[in-house]
C-alpha cells in the first residue's frame, strides 16, 4: 500500500492501543510520520502551537481529562489552514450507539472505526 498521508496523529491514552495501532499504520505504510500523543489536551496544544501538522488523526473517545468529543469541540475553535481537509477517524472500543451517531454527525469525523485497528479496516478507510 503506498503512503496515503504525510503526518498521522494518534491520540489515545492507552499505551498498548497506541503500540498496536502504530504498528498497523507502519506496516500499511499509512503515513510518512506517525506522532503519538496520549492526551487530547496535549494534542490540542500541539495543533494550536503548530508543532504538529497532521493530515490524518486517529482519535479515541474515552480519555481522562478531555474526551474525543471534547477534543472535537476544541478542534472546531482552532485556527488551522487545513482543518477542513484533515481526516479524523474516531478509533474506539465503544459499542454505544450514541458514540457512533455523534461521530457520524460531526463534520470533522471521516469515519468511526472499532478498536483494535486492523489492516483490513485500514484498507477500507483509504479506498
N, C-alpha and C. Protein backbone atom coordinates (compact mmCIF):
# COMPACT_ATOMS: atom_id res chain seq x y z
N UNK A 1 0.85 -1.17 0.00
CA UNK A 1 0.00 0.00 0.00
C UNK A 1 0.90 1.24 0.00
N UNK A 2 0.71 2.15 -0.93
CA UNK A 2 1.53 3.37 -0.95
C UNK A 2 1.15 4.31 0.21
N UNK A 3 2.06 5.18 0.57
CA UNK A 3 1.79 6.15 1.63
C UNK A 3 0.61 7.02 1.22
N UNK A 4 -0.32 7.17 2.11
CA UNK A 4 -1.51 7.96 1.82
C UNK A 4 -1.44 9.34 2.47
N UNK A 5 -0.71 9.46 3.58
CA UNK A 5 -0.68 10.70 4.33
C UNK A 5 0.75 11.06 4.69
N UNK A 6 0.99 12.35 4.88
CA UNK A 6 2.30 12.80 5.32
C UNK A 6 2.46 12.56 6.82
N UNK A 7 1.55 13.15 7.61
CA UNK A 7 1.65 13.03 9.06
C UNK A 7 0.33 12.56 9.65
N UNK A 8 0.42 11.51 10.44
CA UNK A 8 -0.74 10.95 11.13
C UNK A 8 -0.55 11.16 12.62
N UNK A 9 -1.56 11.72 13.26
CA UNK A 9 -1.55 11.94 14.71
C UNK A 9 -2.46 10.91 15.35
N UNK A 10 -1.93 10.18 16.31
CA UNK A 10 -2.68 9.18 17.05
C UNK A 10 -2.88 9.72 18.46
N UNK A 11 -4.16 9.92 18.84
CA UNK A 11 -4.48 10.48 20.16
C UNK A 11 -5.24 9.41 20.95
N UNK A 12 -4.56 8.84 21.93
CA UNK A 12 -5.15 7.77 22.74
C UNK A 12 -4.35 7.68 24.03
N UNK A 13 -5.04 7.54 25.16
CA UNK A 13 -4.35 7.48 26.45
C UNK A 13 -3.81 6.09 26.78
N UNK A 14 -4.16 5.08 25.99
CA UNK A 14 -3.77 3.71 26.29
C UNK A 14 -2.49 3.32 25.54
N UNK A 15 -1.45 3.03 26.28
CA UNK A 15 -0.14 2.71 25.71
C UNK A 15 -0.21 1.50 24.77
N UNK A 16 -0.89 0.45 25.19
CA UNK A 16 -0.94 -0.78 24.38
C UNK A 16 -1.72 -0.54 23.09
N UNK A 17 -2.84 0.17 23.18
CA UNK A 17 -3.60 0.50 21.97
C UNK A 17 -2.74 1.32 21.02
N UNK A 18 -1.99 2.27 21.56
CA UNK A 18 -1.10 3.09 20.72
C UNK A 18 -0.04 2.23 20.04
N UNK A 19 0.52 1.29 20.79
CA UNK A 19 1.55 0.42 20.24
C UNK A 19 1.00 -0.40 19.07
N UNK A 20 -0.16 -1.02 19.29
CA UNK A 20 -0.79 -1.86 18.26
C UNK A 20 -1.17 -1.02 17.04
N UNK A 21 -1.84 0.11 17.27
CA UNK A 21 -2.27 0.96 16.16
C UNK A 21 -1.08 1.48 15.38
N UNK A 22 -0.05 1.91 16.07
CA UNK A 22 1.14 2.42 15.39
C UNK A 22 1.76 1.34 14.51
N UNK A 23 1.87 0.12 15.02
CA UNK A 23 2.46 -0.98 14.24
C UNK A 23 1.65 -1.24 12.98
N UNK A 24 0.35 -1.22 13.09
CA UNK A 24 -0.50 -1.45 11.92
C UNK A 24 -0.33 -0.32 10.91
N UNK A 25 -0.30 0.91 11.40
CA UNK A 25 -0.11 2.06 10.50
C UNK A 25 1.25 1.98 9.80
N UNK A 26 2.27 1.59 10.54
CA UNK A 26 3.61 1.45 9.95
C UNK A 26 3.65 0.32 8.93
N UNK A 27 3.06 -0.82 9.27
CA UNK A 27 3.02 -1.96 8.36
C UNK A 27 2.32 -1.62 7.06
N UNK A 28 1.27 -0.82 7.16
CA UNK A 28 0.49 -0.45 5.98
C UNK A 28 1.09 0.75 5.24
N UNK A 29 2.19 1.28 5.76
CA UNK A 29 2.81 2.46 5.15
C UNK A 29 1.77 3.58 5.00
N UNK A 30 0.98 3.77 6.05
CA UNK A 30 -0.14 4.70 6.04
C UNK A 30 0.30 6.15 5.97
N UNK A 31 1.43 6.46 6.65
CA UNK A 31 1.90 7.84 6.70
C UNK A 31 3.42 7.87 6.82
N UNK A 32 4.01 8.95 6.33
CA UNK A 32 5.45 9.13 6.47
C UNK A 32 5.84 9.30 7.94
N UNK A 33 5.02 10.05 8.68
CA UNK A 33 5.29 10.33 10.09
C UNK A 33 4.08 9.96 10.92
N UNK A 34 4.31 9.24 12.00
CA UNK A 34 3.24 8.89 12.93
C UNK A 34 3.62 9.46 14.29
N UNK A 35 2.77 10.35 14.77
CA UNK A 35 3.02 11.02 16.05
C UNK A 35 1.96 10.53 17.03
N UNK A 36 2.42 10.09 18.20
CA UNK A 36 1.50 9.60 19.23
C UNK A 36 1.48 10.60 20.39
N UNK A 37 0.29 11.02 20.75
CA UNK A 37 0.09 11.90 21.90
C UNK A 37 -0.97 11.24 22.78
N UNK A 38 -0.67 11.08 24.07
CA UNK A 38 -1.54 10.33 24.96
C UNK A 38 -2.59 11.17 25.68
N UNK A 39 -2.71 12.44 25.33
CA UNK A 39 -3.69 13.31 25.97
C UNK A 39 -4.33 14.20 24.90
N UNK A 40 -5.64 14.28 24.94
CA UNK A 40 -6.34 15.13 23.98
C UNK A 40 -5.96 16.60 24.16
N UNK A 41 -5.79 17.02 25.42
CA UNK A 41 -5.40 18.42 25.67
C UNK A 41 -4.00 18.70 25.11
N UNK A 42 -3.07 17.75 25.30
CA UNK A 42 -1.72 17.93 24.74
C UNK A 42 -1.78 17.99 23.21
N UNK A 43 -2.67 17.21 22.63
CA UNK A 43 -2.82 17.22 21.16
C UNK A 43 -3.36 18.58 20.70
N UNK A 44 -4.35 19.12 21.40
CA UNK A 44 -4.87 20.45 21.06
C UNK A 44 -3.76 21.49 21.15
N UNK A 45 -2.97 21.41 22.21
CA UNK A 45 -1.87 22.37 22.39
C UNK A 45 -0.86 22.26 21.26
N UNK A 46 -0.54 21.03 20.84
CA UNK A 46 0.42 20.83 19.75
C UNK A 46 -0.14 21.34 18.42
N UNK A 47 -1.42 21.16 18.20
CA UNK A 47 -2.04 21.68 16.99
C UNK A 47 -2.07 23.21 17.02
N UNK A 48 -2.42 23.75 18.18
CA UNK A 48 -2.51 25.20 18.32
C UNK A 48 -1.16 25.88 18.10
N UNK A 49 -0.09 25.30 18.66
CA UNK A 49 1.22 25.95 18.52
C UNK A 49 1.94 25.57 17.22
N UNK A 50 1.33 24.70 16.44
CA UNK A 50 1.88 24.35 15.14
C UNK A 50 3.01 23.34 15.17
N UNK A 51 3.27 22.74 16.33
CA UNK A 51 4.35 21.76 16.40
C UNK A 51 3.96 20.43 15.75
N UNK A 52 2.66 20.21 15.58
CA UNK A 52 2.15 19.03 14.89
C UNK A 52 1.17 19.51 13.82
N UNK A 53 1.39 19.07 12.58
CA UNK A 53 0.51 19.44 11.47
C UNK A 53 0.08 18.18 10.72
N UNK A 54 -0.89 17.48 11.29
CA UNK A 54 -1.31 16.22 10.68
C UNK A 54 -2.26 16.42 9.50
N UNK A 55 -2.30 15.43 8.64
CA UNK A 55 -3.36 15.40 7.63
C UNK A 55 -4.30 14.23 7.90
N UNK A 56 -3.99 13.43 8.94
CA UNK A 56 -4.88 12.37 9.41
C UNK A 56 -4.74 12.27 10.93
N UNK A 57 -5.87 12.02 11.59
CA UNK A 57 -5.88 11.87 13.05
C UNK A 57 -6.72 10.64 13.40
N UNK A 58 -6.17 9.79 14.25
CA UNK A 58 -6.94 8.71 14.87
C UNK A 58 -7.19 9.15 16.30
N UNK A 59 -8.46 9.23 16.68
CA UNK A 59 -8.87 9.83 17.95
C UNK A 59 -9.71 8.86 18.77
N UNK A 60 -9.24 8.59 19.98
CA UNK A 60 -10.00 7.76 20.91
C UNK A 60 -11.15 8.60 21.49
N UNK A 61 -12.21 7.95 21.92
CA UNK A 61 -13.33 8.68 22.52
C UNK A 61 -13.15 8.81 24.03
N UNK A 62 -12.91 7.71 24.68
CA UNK A 62 -12.84 7.70 26.15
C UNK A 62 -11.41 7.93 26.63
N UNK A 63 -11.17 9.15 27.11
CA UNK A 63 -9.88 9.51 27.67
C UNK A 63 -10.11 10.37 28.90
N UNK A 64 -9.19 10.30 29.88
CA UNK A 64 -9.36 11.16 31.06
C UNK A 64 -9.10 12.62 30.71
N UNK A 65 -9.63 13.50 31.49
CA UNK A 65 -9.46 14.95 31.36
C UNK A 65 -10.22 15.54 30.16
N UNK A 66 -10.03 15.00 28.97
CA UNK A 66 -10.72 15.50 27.78
C UNK A 66 -11.05 14.32 26.88
N UNK A 67 -12.33 14.14 26.60
CA UNK A 67 -12.75 13.03 25.74
C UNK A 67 -12.49 13.37 24.27
N UNK A 68 -12.68 12.40 23.42
CA UNK A 68 -12.56 12.64 21.99
C UNK A 68 -13.56 13.67 21.49
N UNK A 69 -14.77 13.64 22.04
CA UNK A 69 -15.78 14.60 21.61
C UNK A 69 -15.44 16.02 22.11
N UNK A 70 -14.88 16.11 23.31
CA UNK A 70 -14.42 17.41 23.80
C UNK A 70 -13.26 17.92 22.94
N UNK A 71 -12.40 16.99 22.52
CA UNK A 71 -11.32 17.37 21.60
C UNK A 71 -11.90 17.99 20.34
N UNK A 72 -12.94 17.37 19.80
CA UNK A 72 -13.55 17.88 18.57
C UNK A 72 -14.13 19.28 18.76
N UNK A 73 -14.67 19.57 19.94
CA UNK A 73 -15.17 20.92 20.22
C UNK A 73 -14.02 21.92 20.22
N UNK A 74 -12.91 21.55 20.84
CA UNK A 74 -11.72 22.43 20.87
C UNK A 74 -11.13 22.56 19.47
N UNK A 75 -11.14 21.48 18.73
CA UNK A 75 -10.61 21.47 17.36
C UNK A 75 -11.38 22.45 16.49
N UNK A 76 -12.69 22.47 16.67
CA UNK A 76 -13.56 23.39 15.92
C UNK A 76 -13.12 24.85 16.11
N UNK A 77 -12.65 25.18 17.30
CA UNK A 77 -12.28 26.56 17.61
C UNK A 77 -10.86 26.92 17.16
N UNK A 78 -10.06 25.92 16.76
CA UNK A 78 -8.69 26.20 16.34
C UNK A 78 -8.67 26.94 15.01
N UNK A 79 -7.66 27.78 14.84
CA UNK A 79 -7.47 28.50 13.58
C UNK A 79 -6.36 27.79 12.80
N UNK A 80 -6.74 26.77 12.05
CA UNK A 80 -5.78 25.98 11.27
C UNK A 80 -6.11 26.11 9.79
N UNK A 81 -5.08 26.21 8.95
CA UNK A 81 -5.31 26.35 7.50
C UNK A 81 -5.99 25.12 6.90
N UNK A 82 -5.61 23.95 7.38
CA UNK A 82 -6.07 22.72 6.73
C UNK A 82 -7.13 21.97 7.54
N UNK A 83 -7.75 22.64 8.49
CA UNK A 83 -8.69 21.98 9.40
C UNK A 83 -9.78 21.20 8.67
N UNK A 84 -10.27 21.74 7.58
CA UNK A 84 -11.38 21.09 6.87
C UNK A 84 -10.94 19.91 6.00
N UNK A 85 -9.66 19.74 5.78
CA UNK A 85 -9.21 18.62 4.94
C UNK A 85 -8.53 17.51 5.75
N UNK A 86 -8.28 17.76 7.03
CA UNK A 86 -7.70 16.72 7.89
C UNK A 86 -8.74 15.61 8.06
N UNK A 87 -8.32 14.38 7.84
CA UNK A 87 -9.21 13.23 8.02
C UNK A 87 -9.12 12.78 9.48
N UNK A 88 -10.24 12.86 10.19
CA UNK A 88 -10.27 12.39 11.58
C UNK A 88 -11.06 11.10 11.63
N UNK A 89 -10.41 10.09 12.19
CA UNK A 89 -11.03 8.78 12.35
C UNK A 89 -11.20 8.53 13.85
N UNK A 90 -12.45 8.37 14.29
CA UNK A 90 -12.70 8.03 15.69
C UNK A 90 -12.36 6.54 15.82
N UNK A 91 -11.42 6.24 16.68
CA UNK A 91 -10.96 4.87 16.90
C UNK A 91 -11.31 4.49 18.33
N UNK A 92 -12.30 3.64 18.50
CA UNK A 92 -12.81 3.39 19.84
C UNK A 92 -13.31 1.97 19.99
N UNK A 93 -13.28 1.50 21.23
CA UNK A 93 -13.85 0.19 21.54
C UNK A 93 -15.31 0.34 21.96
N UNK A 94 -15.82 1.56 21.97
CA UNK A 94 -17.20 1.82 22.38
C UNK A 94 -18.20 1.15 21.45
N UNK A 95 -19.19 0.53 22.06
CA UNK A 95 -20.30 -0.06 21.31
C UNK A 95 -21.56 0.78 21.50
N UNK A 96 -21.42 1.90 22.17
CA UNK A 96 -22.54 2.78 22.45
C UNK A 96 -23.03 3.42 21.15
N UNK A 97 -24.29 3.18 20.78
CA UNK A 97 -24.82 3.77 19.55
C UNK A 97 -24.74 5.29 19.53
N UNK A 98 -24.85 5.92 20.70
CA UNK A 98 -24.76 7.38 20.77
C UNK A 98 -23.37 7.84 20.34
N UNK A 99 -22.33 7.14 20.78
CA UNK A 99 -20.96 7.48 20.37
C UNK A 99 -20.81 7.37 18.85
N UNK A 100 -21.35 6.31 18.29
CA UNK A 100 -21.25 6.12 16.84
C UNK A 100 -22.03 7.20 16.10
N UNK A 101 -23.22 7.50 16.58
CA UNK A 101 -24.04 8.55 15.93
C UNK A 101 -23.39 9.92 16.06
N UNK A 102 -22.86 10.24 17.25
CA UNK A 102 -22.19 11.53 17.43
C UNK A 102 -20.95 11.64 16.54
N UNK A 103 -20.28 10.54 16.34
CA UNK A 103 -19.12 10.54 15.44
C UNK A 103 -19.57 10.81 14.01
N UNK A 104 -20.59 10.10 13.58
CA UNK A 104 -21.06 10.23 12.21
C UNK A 104 -21.63 11.61 11.91
N UNK A 105 -22.18 12.26 12.94
CA UNK A 105 -22.80 13.56 12.71
C UNK A 105 -21.81 14.73 12.83
N UNK A 106 -20.59 14.45 13.27
CA UNK A 106 -19.60 15.53 13.40
C UNK A 106 -18.95 15.77 12.04
N UNK A 107 -18.94 17.02 11.61
CA UNK A 107 -18.45 17.34 10.27
C UNK A 107 -16.96 17.06 10.08
N UNK A 108 -16.20 16.95 11.16
CA UNK A 108 -14.77 16.70 11.03
C UNK A 108 -14.42 15.22 11.02
N UNK A 109 -15.34 14.38 11.45
CA UNK A 109 -15.06 12.94 11.55
C UNK A 109 -15.37 12.26 10.22
N UNK A 110 -14.33 11.64 9.66
CA UNK A 110 -14.50 10.94 8.39
C UNK A 110 -15.12 9.57 8.59
N UNK A 111 -14.79 8.91 9.70
CA UNK A 111 -15.27 7.55 9.91
C UNK A 111 -15.11 7.13 11.37
N UNK A 112 -16.00 6.29 11.84
CA UNK A 112 -15.88 5.64 13.14
C UNK A 112 -15.28 4.26 12.90
N UNK A 113 -14.23 3.93 13.63
CA UNK A 113 -13.55 2.64 13.46
C UNK A 113 -13.46 1.96 14.81
N UNK A 114 -13.82 0.68 14.85
CA UNK A 114 -13.73 -0.07 16.10
C UNK A 114 -12.30 -0.52 16.37
N UNK A 115 -11.91 -0.44 17.64
CA UNK A 115 -10.62 -0.98 18.08
C UNK A 115 -10.76 -2.47 18.19
N UNK A 116 -9.70 -3.19 18.00
CA UNK A 116 -8.41 -2.71 17.54
C UNK A 116 -8.42 -2.46 16.04
N UNK A 117 -7.60 -1.51 15.61
CA UNK A 117 -7.46 -1.25 14.19
C UNK A 117 -6.85 -2.48 13.52
N UNK A 118 -7.38 -2.85 12.36
CA UNK A 118 -6.83 -3.97 11.60
C UNK A 118 -6.39 -3.47 10.23
N UNK A 119 -5.56 -4.26 9.57
CA UNK A 119 -5.15 -3.89 8.22
C UNK A 119 -6.35 -3.81 7.29
N UNK A 120 -7.30 -4.71 7.47
CA UNK A 120 -8.49 -4.71 6.62
C UNK A 120 -9.30 -3.43 6.83
N UNK A 121 -9.49 -3.03 8.09
CA UNK A 121 -10.23 -1.80 8.37
C UNK A 121 -9.50 -0.58 7.81
N UNK A 122 -8.18 -0.62 7.90
CA UNK A 122 -7.38 0.48 7.37
C UNK A 122 -7.50 0.57 5.85
N UNK A 123 -7.49 -0.56 5.19
CA UNK A 123 -7.68 -0.61 3.73
C UNK A 123 -9.02 0.02 3.36
N UNK A 124 -10.06 -0.27 4.11
CA UNK A 124 -11.39 0.27 3.83
C UNK A 124 -11.44 1.78 4.01
N UNK A 125 -10.62 2.30 4.93
CA UNK A 125 -10.60 3.74 5.18
C UNK A 125 -10.05 4.52 3.99
N UNK A 126 -9.12 3.93 3.28
CA UNK A 126 -8.41 4.69 2.26
C UNK A 126 -8.80 4.32 0.84
N UNK A 127 -9.79 3.45 0.70
CA UNK A 127 -10.24 3.12 -0.66
C UNK A 127 -11.55 3.80 -0.97
